[in-house]
Protein backbone atom coordinates (compact mmCIF):
# COMPACT_ATOMS: atom_id res chain seq x y z
CA UNK A 1 138.02 164.57 88.14
CA UNK A 2 134.25 164.79 88.45
CA UNK A 3 133.91 161.01 88.16
CA UNK A 4 136.58 160.52 90.83
CA UNK A 5 134.83 162.86 93.27
CA UNK A 6 131.46 161.26 92.61
CA UNK A 7 132.72 157.70 93.09
CA UNK A 8 134.74 158.60 96.18
CA UNK A 9 131.89 160.53 97.81
CA UNK A 10 129.33 157.79 97.21
CA UNK A 11 131.60 155.13 98.71
CA UNK A 12 132.55 157.30 101.71
CA UNK A 13 128.91 158.21 102.37
CA UNK A 14 127.71 154.61 102.32
CA UNK A 15 130.48 153.48 104.69
CA UNK A 16 129.88 156.37 107.10
CA UNK A 17 126.13 155.70 107.19
CA UNK A 18 126.84 152.02 107.93
CA UNK A 19 129.13 153.09 110.78
CA UNK A 20 126.65 155.49 112.36
CA UNK A 21 123.69 153.12 112.07
CA UNK A 22 125.27 149.80 113.05
CA UNK A 23 128.76 150.17 114.55
CA UNK A 24 129.10 153.39 116.56
CA UNK A 25 126.82 152.24 119.39
CA UNK A 26 128.67 148.96 119.90
CA UNK A 27 131.50 148.65 122.38
CA UNK A 28 134.16 147.64 119.86
CA UNK A 29 136.10 150.88 119.71
CA UNK A 30 139.41 149.51 118.40
CA UNK A 31 137.65 147.83 115.51
CA UNK A 32 135.65 151.00 114.83
CA UNK A 33 138.85 153.03 114.67
CA UNK A 34 140.23 150.62 112.10
CA UNK A 35 136.93 150.72 110.18
CA UNK A 36 136.82 154.53 109.96
CA UNK A 37 140.41 154.84 108.75
CA UNK A 38 139.95 151.99 106.29
CA UNK A 39 136.74 153.56 104.99
CA UNK A 40 138.57 156.81 104.27
CA UNK A 41 141.40 155.06 102.44
CA UNK A 42 139.00 152.80 100.57
CA UNK A 43 136.85 155.68 99.33
CA UNK A 44 139.90 157.70 98.23
CA UNK A 45 141.57 154.84 96.37
CA UNK A 46 138.64 152.93 94.90
CA UNK A 47 138.21 155.27 91.88
CA UNK A 48 141.75 154.36 90.79
CA UNK A 49 141.13 150.61 90.83
CA UNK A 50 139.83 148.96 87.69
CA UNK A 51 139.63 145.22 87.11
CA UNK A 52 138.47 143.83 83.79
CA UNK A 53 136.51 140.60 83.73
CA UNK A 54 136.59 138.97 80.32
CA UNK A 55 133.18 137.83 79.15
CA UNK A 56 132.93 135.98 75.87
CA UNK A 57 130.19 137.13 73.55
CA UNK A 58 129.40 136.39 69.96
CA UNK A 59 128.83 139.52 67.96
CA UNK A 60 129.55 140.80 64.50
CA UNK A 61 132.65 142.94 64.28
CA UNK A 62 133.99 145.29 61.68
CA UNK A 63 137.37 144.94 60.01
CA UNK A 64 139.37 148.18 60.14
CA UNK A 65 140.81 149.71 57.00
CA UNK A 66 144.37 151.04 57.29
CA UNK A 67 144.34 154.67 56.15
CA UNK A 68 147.30 156.94 55.43
CA UNK A 69 146.77 160.65 55.88
CA UNK A 70 148.47 163.23 53.79
CA UNK A 71 149.41 166.13 56.00
CA UNK A 72 150.19 167.06 59.57
CA UNK A 73 147.65 167.32 62.33
CA UNK A 74 145.73 170.53 62.91
CA UNK A 75 144.94 171.39 66.52
CA UNK A 76 141.83 173.40 67.16
CA UNK A 77 141.86 174.82 70.67
CA UNK A 78 138.74 175.92 72.43
CA UNK A 79 138.52 179.45 73.72
CA UNK A 80 139.78 179.90 77.25
CA UNK A 81 137.22 178.89 79.85
CA UNK A 82 137.60 181.74 82.33
CA UNK A 83 134.95 180.39 84.70
CA UNK A 84 136.81 177.13 85.07
CA UNK A 85 140.11 178.94 85.56
CA UNK A 86 138.49 181.12 88.23
CA UNK A 87 137.12 178.07 90.07
CA UNK A 88 140.52 176.37 89.95
CA UNK A 89 142.09 179.57 91.25
CA UNK A 90 139.66 179.66 94.18
CA UNK A 91 140.34 175.99 94.92
CA UNK A 92 144.11 176.48 94.93
CA UNK A 93 143.81 179.60 97.12
CA UNK A 94 141.58 177.95 99.74
CA UNK A 95 143.73 174.80 99.74
CA UNK A 96 146.85 176.90 100.26
CA UNK A 97 145.22 178.78 103.17
CA UNK A 98 144.11 175.55 104.86
CA UNK A 99 147.51 173.95 104.32
CA UNK A 100 149.17 177.01 105.86
CA UNK A 101 146.78 176.83 108.83
CA UNK A 102 147.51 173.11 109.24
CA UNK A 103 151.29 173.68 109.16
CA UNK A 104 151.10 176.67 111.50
CA UNK A 105 149.22 174.64 114.13
CA UNK A 106 151.83 171.90 114.06
CA UNK A 107 154.59 174.47 114.45
CA UNK A 108 152.68 176.05 117.36
CA UNK A 109 152.76 172.80 119.35
CA UNK A 110 156.51 172.47 118.94
CA UNK A 111 157.04 176.13 119.83
CA UNK A 112 155.05 175.59 123.03
CA UNK A 113 157.20 172.60 123.83
CA UNK A 114 160.38 174.57 123.10
CA UNK A 115 159.41 177.65 125.13
CA UNK A 116 158.07 175.91 128.23
CA UNK A 117 159.24 173.54 130.90
CA UNK A 118 159.06 169.85 130.00
CA UNK A 119 159.04 166.74 132.19
CA UNK A 120 159.18 163.06 131.33
CA UNK A 121 156.09 161.14 132.40
CA UNK A 122 156.11 157.41 131.59
CA UNK A 123 156.54 157.30 127.78
CA UNK A 124 155.18 160.82 127.28
CA UNK A 125 156.48 164.34 127.77
CA UNK A 126 154.60 166.81 129.94
CA UNK A 127 154.69 170.40 128.70
CA UNK A 128 153.94 172.82 131.56
CA UNK A 129 152.14 175.93 130.32
CA UNK A 130 151.68 179.20 132.17
CA UNK A 131 148.17 179.85 130.85
CA UNK A 132 145.18 177.93 132.26
CA UNK A 133 144.32 175.06 129.89
CA UNK A 134 142.67 171.68 129.96
CA UNK A 135 145.03 168.73 129.58
CA UNK A 136 145.36 167.93 125.89
CA UNK A 137 147.63 165.79 123.74
CA UNK A 138 149.60 166.18 120.54
CA UNK A 139 151.76 163.25 119.44
CA UNK A 140 153.54 162.16 122.67
CA UNK A 141 153.27 165.58 124.33
CA UNK A 142 150.69 166.25 127.05
CA UNK A 143 150.07 169.97 127.59
CA UNK A 144 148.90 170.93 131.10
CA UNK A 145 148.81 174.00 133.35
CA UNK A 146 152.03 174.30 135.38
CA UNK A 147 150.35 175.71 138.51
CA UNK A 148 147.75 172.92 138.62
CA UNK A 149 150.50 170.36 138.16
CA UNK A 150 152.67 171.80 140.93
CA UNK A 151 149.67 171.97 143.29
CA UNK A 152 148.63 168.41 142.30
CA UNK A 153 145.16 169.57 141.21
CA UNK A 154 145.13 167.40 138.08
CA UNK A 155 143.28 164.15 138.79
CA UNK A 156 144.99 160.86 138.00
CA UNK A 157 142.03 159.92 135.79
CA UNK A 158 142.86 162.84 133.51
CA UNK A 159 146.46 161.68 133.17
CA UNK A 160 145.21 158.18 132.32
CA UNK A 161 142.87 159.65 129.72
CA UNK A 162 145.64 161.63 128.01
CA UNK A 163 148.12 158.74 128.21
CA UNK A 164 145.67 156.63 126.22
CA UNK A 165 145.79 159.20 123.44
CA UNK A 166 149.60 159.07 123.54
CA UNK A 167 149.95 155.29 123.66
CA UNK A 168 147.43 154.66 120.88
CA UNK A 169 148.84 157.50 118.72
CA UNK A 170 145.49 159.17 118.12
CA UNK A 171 147.20 162.31 116.81
CA UNK A 172 148.19 160.46 113.63
CA UNK A 173 144.51 159.81 112.86
CA UNK A 174 143.69 163.48 113.33
CA UNK A 175 146.58 164.62 111.12
CA UNK A 176 145.53 162.19 108.41
CA UNK A 177 141.92 163.38 108.28
CA UNK A 178 143.00 167.04 108.47
CA UNK A 179 145.21 166.58 105.41
CA UNK A 180 142.26 165.11 103.56
CA UNK A 181 140.10 168.04 104.64
CA UNK A 182 142.70 170.50 103.36
CA UNK A 183 142.59 168.93 99.89
CA UNK A 184 138.85 168.17 99.78
CA UNK A 185 137.70 171.18 101.79
CA UNK A 186 134.61 171.54 99.61
CA UNK A 187 133.31 168.15 100.75
CA UNK A 188 131.61 168.38 104.18
CA UNK A 189 131.60 164.60 104.45
CA UNK A 190 135.17 164.62 105.76
CA UNK A 191 134.15 166.95 108.60
CA UNK A 192 131.74 164.22 109.72
CA UNK A 193 134.51 161.65 109.44
CA UNK A 194 136.78 163.74 111.67
CA UNK A 195 134.06 164.08 114.31
CA UNK A 196 133.42 160.34 114.22
CA UNK A 197 137.14 159.57 114.55
CA UNK A 198 137.66 162.00 117.44
CA UNK A 199 134.59 160.71 119.26
CA UNK A 200 135.93 157.19 118.83
CA UNK A 201 139.23 158.36 120.38
CA UNK A 202 137.32 159.62 123.41
CA UNK A 203 135.46 156.31 123.66
CA UNK A 204 138.83 154.53 123.72
CA UNK A 205 140.27 156.89 126.36
CA UNK A 206 137.10 156.72 128.50
CA UNK A 207 137.13 152.93 128.27
CA UNK A 208 140.72 152.80 129.54
CA UNK A 209 139.96 155.09 132.49
CA UNK A 210 136.84 153.13 133.48
CA UNK A 211 138.70 149.82 133.26
CA UNK A 212 141.58 151.17 135.39
CA UNK A 213 139.65 152.96 138.15
CA UNK A 214 136.17 151.40 138.14
CA UNK A 215 134.47 154.63 139.27
CA UNK A 216 132.13 155.71 136.48
CA UNK A 217 130.05 158.31 138.47
CA UNK A 218 133.16 160.16 139.67
CA UNK A 219 134.72 160.16 136.20
CA UNK A 220 131.51 161.43 134.63
CA UNK A 221 131.21 164.28 137.14
CA UNK A 222 134.87 165.11 136.50
CA UNK A 223 134.19 165.40 132.76
CA UNK A 224 131.16 167.60 133.40
CA UNK A 225 133.21 169.94 135.55
CA UNK A 226 135.66 170.41 132.69
CA UNK A 227 133.08 170.66 129.92
CA UNK A 228 132.79 174.45 129.94
CA UNK A 229 136.50 175.12 129.51
CA UNK A 230 137.78 176.53 126.25
CA UNK A 231 139.09 173.85 123.85
CA UNK A 232 142.76 173.91 122.78
CA UNK A 233 144.09 173.88 119.20
CA UNK A 234 142.00 171.82 116.78
CA UNK A 235 144.76 169.27 116.07
CA UNK A 236 144.94 168.18 119.71
CA UNK A 237 143.16 165.31 121.40
CA UNK A 238 141.30 167.07 124.20
CA UNK A 239 139.44 165.95 127.24
CA UNK A 240 136.12 167.75 126.76
CA UNK A 241 135.43 166.78 123.14
CA UNK A 242 131.68 166.16 122.90
CA UNK A 243 130.99 165.58 126.61
CA UNK A 244 127.53 164.31 125.83
CA UNK A 245 125.03 161.72 126.87
CA UNK A 246 126.48 159.50 124.14
CA UNK A 247 129.86 159.26 125.91
CA UNK A 248 128.27 158.67 129.29
CA UNK A 249 126.01 155.90 128.00
CA UNK A 250 128.93 154.19 126.30
CA UNK A 251 130.83 153.94 129.61
CA UNK A 252 128.20 151.65 131.10
CA UNK A 253 127.13 149.89 127.91
CA UNK A 254 127.66 146.14 127.45
CA UNK A 255 127.72 144.64 123.96
CA UNK A 256 127.13 141.01 123.11
CA UNK A 257 130.18 139.31 121.60
CA UNK A 258 127.93 137.48 119.16
CA UNK A 259 126.32 140.74 118.07
CA UNK A 260 129.73 142.36 117.61
CA UNK A 261 131.02 139.43 115.56
CA UNK A 262 127.91 139.29 113.39
CA UNK A 263 128.18 143.01 112.58
CA UNK A 264 131.86 142.71 111.78
CA UNK A 265 131.24 139.81 109.42
CA UNK A 266 128.36 141.69 107.79
CA UNK A 267 130.82 144.33 106.63
CA UNK A 268 132.54 141.91 104.25
CA UNK A 269 129.67 141.76 101.73
CA UNK A 270 129.28 145.55 101.95
CA UNK A 271 132.92 146.20 101.02
CA UNK A 272 132.77 143.44 98.41
CA UNK A 273 129.64 144.91 96.82
CA UNK A 274 131.19 148.39 96.67
CA UNK A 275 134.39 146.99 95.20
CA UNK A 276 132.54 145.03 92.53
CA UNK A 277 130.26 147.92 91.64
CA UNK A 278 132.97 150.55 91.29
CA UNK A 279 136.03 148.54 90.25
CA UNK A 280 135.01 145.62 88.08
CA UNK A 281 134.17 146.14 84.43
CA UNK A 282 132.78 143.30 82.37
CA UNK A 283 134.68 143.44 79.10
CA UNK A 284 133.39 141.48 76.15
CA UNK A 285 135.81 139.08 74.51
CA UNK A 286 134.45 139.15 71.00
CA UNK A 287 134.03 135.98 68.97
CA UNK A 288 133.59 137.43 65.52
CA UNK A 289 130.76 136.57 63.20
CA UNK A 290 130.97 137.22 59.52
CA UNK A 291 129.18 140.43 58.65
CA UNK A 292 128.74 143.05 56.03
CA UNK A 293 132.28 144.37 56.28
CA UNK A 294 134.20 141.09 56.56
CA UNK A 295 132.72 139.00 53.77
CA UNK A 296 135.36 138.55 51.12
CA UNK A 297 136.52 135.74 48.92
CA UNK A 298 139.16 135.23 46.29
CA UNK A 299 137.34 136.07 43.12
CA UNK A 300 137.01 133.88 40.07
CA UNK A 301 137.99 135.64 36.85
CA UNK A 302 134.40 135.83 35.57
CA UNK A 303 132.97 137.20 38.84
CA UNK A 304 135.75 139.74 39.15
CA UNK A 305 135.41 140.88 35.55
CA UNK A 306 131.70 141.50 36.06
CA UNK A 307 132.18 143.19 39.45
CA UNK A 308 134.82 145.71 38.30
CA UNK A 309 133.65 146.18 34.72
CA UNK A 310 134.10 149.79 33.57
CA UNK A 311 135.77 150.91 36.82
CA UNK A 312 138.77 153.23 36.60
CA UNK A 313 141.60 151.75 38.69
CA UNK A 314 144.18 154.20 40.12
CA UNK A 315 147.20 152.36 41.53
CA UNK A 316 150.13 153.78 43.49
CA UNK A 317 152.50 150.92 44.30
CA UNK A 318 155.30 152.48 46.35
CA UNK A 319 157.04 149.17 46.87
CA UNK A 320 157.49 148.66 43.13
CA UNK A 321 157.57 152.39 42.30
CA UNK A 322 154.59 152.00 39.97
CA UNK A 323 151.80 154.52 39.38
CA UNK A 324 149.08 154.16 36.75
CA UNK A 325 145.41 154.81 35.99
CA UNK A 326 143.62 152.31 33.77
CA UNK A 327 140.19 151.01 33.05
CA UNK A 328 139.75 147.60 34.62
CA UNK A 329 139.53 145.99 31.19
CA UNK A 330 142.98 147.37 30.31
CA UNK A 331 144.68 145.72 33.27
CA UNK A 332 146.88 142.72 32.67
CA UNK A 333 146.02 139.45 34.39
CA UNK A 334 149.01 139.93 36.68
CA UNK A 335 147.79 143.41 37.68
CA UNK A 336 144.28 142.12 38.33
CA UNK A 337 145.58 139.32 40.53
CA UNK A 338 147.95 141.62 42.41
CA UNK A 339 145.64 144.57 43.07
CA UNK A 340 142.08 143.25 42.77
CA UNK A 341 142.16 139.69 43.99
CA UNK A 342 139.14 139.97 46.29
CA UNK A 343 135.43 140.59 45.82
CA UNK A 344 132.59 140.61 48.39
CA UNK A 345 130.57 137.51 49.04
CA UNK A 346 126.87 137.38 48.42
CA UNK A 347 124.85 138.58 51.39
CA UNK A 348 122.42 136.16 52.98
CA UNK A 349 119.40 137.43 54.86
CA UNK A 350 119.78 137.53 58.61
CA UNK A 351 116.60 138.11 60.62
CA UNK A 352 116.68 138.69 64.40
CA UNK A 353 114.74 136.40 66.69
CA UNK A 354 111.88 137.80 68.76
CA UNK A 355 114.01 137.64 71.90
CA UNK A 356 116.90 139.45 70.20
CA UNK A 357 114.55 142.06 68.78
CA UNK A 358 113.08 142.80 72.21
CA UNK A 359 116.56 143.09 73.68
CA UNK A 360 117.56 145.61 70.99
CA UNK A 361 114.92 148.01 72.40
CA UNK A 362 117.13 148.52 75.47
CA UNK A 363 118.46 152.06 74.91
CA UNK A 364 121.10 151.70 77.64
CA UNK A 365 122.64 148.72 75.89
CA UNK A 366 122.24 149.41 72.17
CA UNK A 367 122.62 152.35 69.80
CA UNK A 368 120.39 151.71 66.78
CA UNK A 369 120.53 152.58 63.07
CA UNK A 370 117.78 151.66 60.63
CA UNK A 371 118.61 151.82 56.92
CA UNK A 372 121.68 153.91 57.66
CA UNK A 373 119.89 156.50 59.84
CA UNK A 374 120.38 156.72 63.61
CA UNK A 375 117.08 156.44 65.48
CA UNK A 376 115.77 155.85 68.99
CA UNK A 377 115.34 152.30 70.22
CA UNK A 378 111.63 152.92 70.70
CA UNK A 379 111.35 153.28 66.92
CA UNK A 380 111.76 149.50 66.71
CA UNK A 381 108.20 149.27 68.04
CA UNK A 382 106.87 150.06 64.55
CA UNK A 383 108.75 147.07 63.13
CA UNK A 384 108.53 143.36 63.66
CA UNK A 385 111.48 140.95 63.30
CA UNK A 386 110.23 139.65 59.96
CA UNK A 387 110.41 143.20 58.54
CA UNK A 388 114.18 143.18 59.03
CA UNK A 389 116.10 141.53 56.19
CA UNK A 390 119.58 141.94 57.60
CA UNK A 391 121.24 143.23 60.76
CA UNK A 392 124.80 143.63 61.91
CA UNK A 393 126.54 145.18 64.89
CA UNK A 394 129.61 145.44 67.00
CA UNK A 395 130.78 145.75 70.59
CA UNK A 396 132.22 149.16 71.50
CA UNK A 397 134.98 149.11 74.10
CA UNK A 398 134.54 151.46 77.02
CA UNK A 399 137.35 153.84 76.05
CA UNK A 400 135.88 154.23 72.54
CA UNK A 401 132.36 155.25 73.59
CA UNK A 402 131.13 158.81 73.35
CA UNK A 403 128.59 160.87 75.26
CA UNK A 404 126.34 160.76 72.23
CA UNK A 405 126.58 156.97 71.97
CA UNK A 406 127.54 155.61 75.44
CA UNK A 407 126.02 152.19 74.77
CA UNK A 408 128.30 149.11 74.70
CA UNK A 409 126.75 147.88 71.42
CA UNK A 410 125.92 149.53 68.10
CA UNK A 411 123.60 147.73 65.67
CA UNK A 412 122.36 148.48 62.17
CA UNK A 413 119.11 147.10 60.77
CA UNK A 414 118.13 146.97 57.11
CA UNK A 415 114.56 146.64 55.92
CA UNK A 416 113.48 144.53 52.96
CA UNK A 417 113.36 147.53 50.62
CA UNK A 418 116.81 148.76 51.61
CA UNK A 419 118.27 145.26 51.46
CA UNK A 420 116.89 144.66 47.97
CA UNK A 421 118.21 147.99 46.70
CA UNK A 422 121.63 148.20 48.34
CA UNK A 423 122.74 144.82 49.69
CA UNK A 424 121.14 142.01 47.78
CA UNK A 425 123.15 142.54 44.60
CA UNK A 426 126.06 144.51 46.06
CA UNK A 427 128.38 141.57 45.40
CA UNK A 428 127.64 141.68 41.68
CA UNK A 429 128.83 145.15 40.72
CA UNK A 430 131.23 147.67 42.21
CA UNK A 431 129.10 150.76 42.92
CA UNK A 432 131.66 153.47 42.23
CA UNK A 433 133.20 154.86 39.07
CA UNK A 434 136.81 154.71 40.22
CA UNK A 435 138.94 153.14 42.91
CA UNK A 436 142.28 154.26 44.38
CA UNK A 437 144.69 151.59 45.57
CA UNK A 438 147.86 152.54 47.44
CA UNK A 439 150.41 149.91 48.41
CA UNK A 440 153.08 151.37 50.69
CA UNK A 441 156.44 149.83 51.36
CA UNK A 442 156.38 149.06 55.09
CA UNK A 443 160.16 148.67 55.17
CA UNK A 444 160.61 152.36 54.42
CA UNK A 445 159.77 154.95 57.02
CA UNK A 446 160.42 158.66 56.56
CA UNK A 447 162.81 160.24 59.01
CA UNK A 448 162.84 163.77 60.34
CA UNK A 449 159.47 164.39 58.73
CA UNK A 450 157.21 167.05 60.16
CA UNK A 451 154.12 165.54 58.63
CA UNK A 452 151.99 163.00 60.40
CA UNK A 453 152.53 159.69 58.62
CA UNK A 454 151.26 157.52 61.42
CA UNK A 455 148.96 154.73 60.31
CA UNK A 456 145.49 155.17 61.78
CA UNK A 457 143.11 152.19 61.84
CA UNK A 458 139.54 153.28 61.43
CA UNK A 459 136.28 152.25 59.83
CA UNK A 460 134.68 154.57 57.34
CA UNK A 461 131.07 155.42 58.15
CA UNK A 462 130.40 155.48 54.42
CA UNK A 463 128.23 152.46 53.90
CA UNK A 464 129.28 152.09 50.26
CA UNK A 465 133.02 151.96 50.95
CA UNK A 466 134.51 148.79 49.54
CA UNK A 467 136.75 146.97 52.01
CA UNK A 468 139.40 144.93 50.23
CA UNK A 469 141.67 142.78 52.35
CA UNK A 470 145.30 143.95 52.25
CA UNK A 471 148.03 141.55 51.31
CA UNK A 472 150.22 140.06 54.03
CA UNK A 473 153.15 142.44 53.45
CA UNK A 474 151.43 145.57 52.27
CA UNK A 475 148.96 148.11 53.54
CA UNK A 476 146.17 148.87 51.12
CA UNK A 477 144.23 152.11 50.94
CA UNK A 478 141.02 151.85 48.96
CA UNK A 479 139.07 155.04 48.58
CA UNK A 480 135.86 154.69 46.68
CA UNK A 481 134.76 157.73 44.68
CA UNK A 482 131.13 157.03 44.12
CA UNK A 483 127.85 158.48 42.99
CA UNK A 484 126.32 160.20 45.97
CA UNK A 485 122.71 160.54 46.87
CA UNK A 486 123.38 163.17 49.53
CA UNK A 487 123.05 166.87 48.97
CA UNK A 488 126.43 167.74 50.45
CA UNK A 489 128.28 165.24 48.22
CA UNK A 490 127.93 166.32 44.57
CA UNK A 491 128.33 163.60 41.93
CA UNK A 492 131.88 162.72 40.99
CA UNK A 493 132.82 163.43 37.41
CA UNK A 494 134.41 160.94 35.06
CA UNK A 495 137.77 162.70 35.40
CA UNK A 496 140.53 160.77 37.08
CA UNK A 497 141.07 161.55 40.76
CA UNK A 498 144.66 161.10 41.85
CA UNK A 499 146.10 160.31 45.23
CA UNK A 500 148.59 162.84 46.62
CA UNK A 501 151.37 160.25 46.47
CA UNK A 502 150.95 159.81 42.71
CA UNK A 503 151.40 163.41 41.53
CA UNK A 504 154.43 165.58 40.83
CA UNK A 505 153.15 168.86 42.33
CA UNK A 506 150.93 168.68 45.38
CA UNK A 507 148.01 171.07 45.90
CA UNK A 508 148.77 174.07 48.08
CA UNK A 509 146.64 176.40 50.13
CA UNK A 510 147.33 180.11 49.45
CA UNK A 511 150.07 181.05 51.91
CA UNK A 512 150.93 177.44 52.75
CA UNK A 513 149.57 174.81 55.12
CA UNK A 514 150.23 176.98 58.15
CA UNK A 515 147.73 179.48 56.79
CA UNK A 516 145.26 176.66 56.16
CA UNK A 517 145.63 175.48 59.77
CA UNK A 518 145.05 179.06 60.89
CA UNK A 519 141.98 179.33 58.65
CA UNK A 520 140.44 176.17 60.09
CA UNK A 521 141.31 177.14 63.67
CA UNK A 522 139.73 180.59 63.27
CA UNK A 523 136.50 179.26 61.78
CA UNK A 524 135.99 176.01 63.71
CA UNK A 525 133.44 176.42 66.50
CA UNK A 526 134.34 173.97 69.24
CA UNK A 527 131.31 172.50 71.09
CA UNK A 528 130.90 173.67 74.68
CA UNK A 529 131.71 170.27 76.13
CA UNK A 530 134.04 169.73 79.07
CA UNK A 531 137.20 167.71 78.40
CA UNK A 532 136.47 167.25 74.70
CA UNK A 533 139.47 165.66 73.04
CA UNK A 534 140.01 163.54 69.95
CA UNK A 535 140.44 163.53 66.19
CA UNK A 536 138.08 164.21 63.31
CA UNK A 537 139.15 162.57 60.05
CA UNK A 538 137.99 164.33 56.90
CA UNK A 539 138.42 163.57 53.22
CA UNK A 540 137.79 165.87 50.25
CA UNK A 541 138.71 166.42 46.60
CA UNK A 542 140.66 169.44 45.39
CA UNK A 543 139.41 170.11 41.88
CA UNK A 544 141.41 171.32 38.88
CA UNK A 545 140.32 174.90 39.59
CA UNK A 546 141.32 174.63 43.29
CA UNK A 547 137.77 174.36 44.66
CA UNK A 548 136.84 171.71 47.23
CA UNK A 549 134.19 169.08 46.56
CA UNK A 550 133.07 165.76 48.01
CA UNK A 551 133.94 166.70 51.59
CA UNK A 552 133.10 163.83 53.91
CA UNK A 553 133.84 162.65 57.43
CA UNK A 554 135.57 159.34 57.95
CA UNK A 555 135.36 159.47 61.74
CA UNK A 556 134.48 162.03 64.38
CA UNK A 557 134.17 162.28 68.16
CA UNK A 558 130.52 163.25 68.32
CA UNK A 559 128.99 166.50 69.60
CA UNK A 560 128.64 167.76 66.01
CA UNK A 561 132.40 167.89 65.38
CA UNK A 562 132.08 166.05 62.07
CA UNK A 563 129.42 168.39 60.72
CA UNK A 564 131.44 171.40 61.89
CA UNK A 565 134.57 170.10 60.14
CA UNK A 566 132.63 169.73 56.85
CA UNK A 567 131.21 173.25 57.24
CA UNK A 568 134.66 174.77 57.71
CA UNK A 569 136.24 172.78 54.87
CA UNK A 570 133.52 174.01 52.51
CA UNK A 571 134.31 177.62 53.51
CA UNK A 572 137.88 177.22 52.33
CA UNK A 573 139.04 179.55 49.55
CA UNK A 574 140.35 177.95 46.39
CA UNK A 575 143.63 176.09 46.57
CA UNK A 576 146.45 176.13 44.06
CA UNK A 577 145.53 172.89 42.24
CA UNK A 578 147.77 169.85 42.00
CA UNK A 579 149.64 169.15 38.80
CA UNK A 580 150.80 165.98 37.17
CA UNK A 581 153.32 166.43 34.38
CA UNK A 582 152.44 170.12 34.25
CA UNK A 583 148.69 169.56 33.88
CA UNK A 584 146.17 170.45 36.66
CA UNK A 585 144.51 167.33 38.08
CA UNK A 586 141.91 166.42 40.68
CA UNK A 587 143.39 165.14 43.94
CA UNK A 588 141.87 163.35 46.88
CA UNK A 589 143.06 164.73 50.21
CA UNK A 590 142.72 163.18 53.69
CA UNK A 591 143.37 165.07 56.90
CA UNK A 592 143.13 164.45 60.67
CA UNK A 593 141.96 167.43 62.72
CA UNK A 594 142.72 167.24 66.43
CA UNK A 595 140.07 168.77 68.69
CA UNK A 596 141.45 169.70 72.10
CA UNK A 597 139.53 171.86 74.52
CA UNK A 598 141.49 173.99 76.95
CA UNK A 599 140.38 171.86 79.92
CA UNK A 600 141.47 168.56 78.38
């Protein structure tokens, strides 16, 4: 809503300033009427228009890993924002009052018409009122004083003036802008628009009178004599609206046709520029480059044997109804080819050019990570391109950007030391102690299930996560349980860690999952951010004694939601551990937590 109001107000302001500076003083009143109404419509509708222009770029992209989550979604609702509710209440109240006032005024005109004498005059209806009033118009009704009409004290110029309002249907313009004012009453800009529109109506009526009777001095003195009279209802077109020097000067003003045409044509680039600025988004059409997460090859037997040597392989093949845990060396050749047919390619150094490196310093365009740590773009000043051994990045679509990282590109840079330690030989040996592989049968889909089994495509932020390409008819989940160098991830023991799908008795929170949802909801502190909405994906291990270890975030929505999710998960009391064949076992658990503030 804020973005809509901002965009609409900026557009309306620019167009009104253009009108007042360049158009209002020119004698092209019909065109100006069209311009003012079009400007209002344009500014109200332009925030809803979005046109995507496809622009091809070459950039590294990341291959998503299909992940299946174990349990239903938890919704953490923010505490009620009473200030926002109060403001909305005030808005609704004021809008209702103004709408009532608007409706009451319309009804008043028709009551006056119903309760007083009416006469047909050309294509209008004269409504003869008992009280002394200036002639004024609403729709095709002209309201005048009955005594003045009977005594023929109403000048013919005044009838001509009001008939112009009737014939050109000026009341419709006033009703339109009044409706806008009732909805956007907090925006004074629309008051200025109404004044400009009504003044333009008077210019049109004055022009018609002057053209018909060719007596400007008499008409001006007539207007001055009526200027002190009380104005009628605000929805009416009335004779004495802004009887000023501006109206008098306009009566005798002559405008060059060339000047008028040039100003009209000059409006085209103004509208075009506003349209392009607010409505057109340049969307990158990515041409992928091979990068750190997409380099895979079918492994030769020798390379694969070296890469997975000593790794514990946990397989849950739902399609074949097979579950087993074996050391890699104990796998048959068929099992190796079926479940571990891919290994990463060797990484080749990739150094940015000087021009690329300078461009990466643009903080509005790029979010930067150096050796796995987010840093400011200015930090690149302490490096030179030849100090970077490898870099990779991706384009972030507009709807996936966050307030923390609003940039369209995210790039990671790796120094020589980091490259030598973590990337150079990463293709030689699998870095973890065990690997879980789940192959689900895509032909089977649970029905009437209350749990969330929707497949979510996401990329793990864990830089050591091995990405193995899934087969053409299966979806592969590979969760790497690895040695951690971070304080909040204690080292994984040599015990087997099972996937939930491969055990007979699942772990259970004391009191059930509903109590666990309640526990998380009560302890999770939602950031004070307006319209915060999204999912935080967490993964943790439930140990044999029911304690939680290895809590990590797979994806979050920024604003500290990932860190808060880890904090709450670590506060959890012990679970009832999982069992396999009656024996307590360690289980890896994945869970999406939905964050939804009350104003989302």
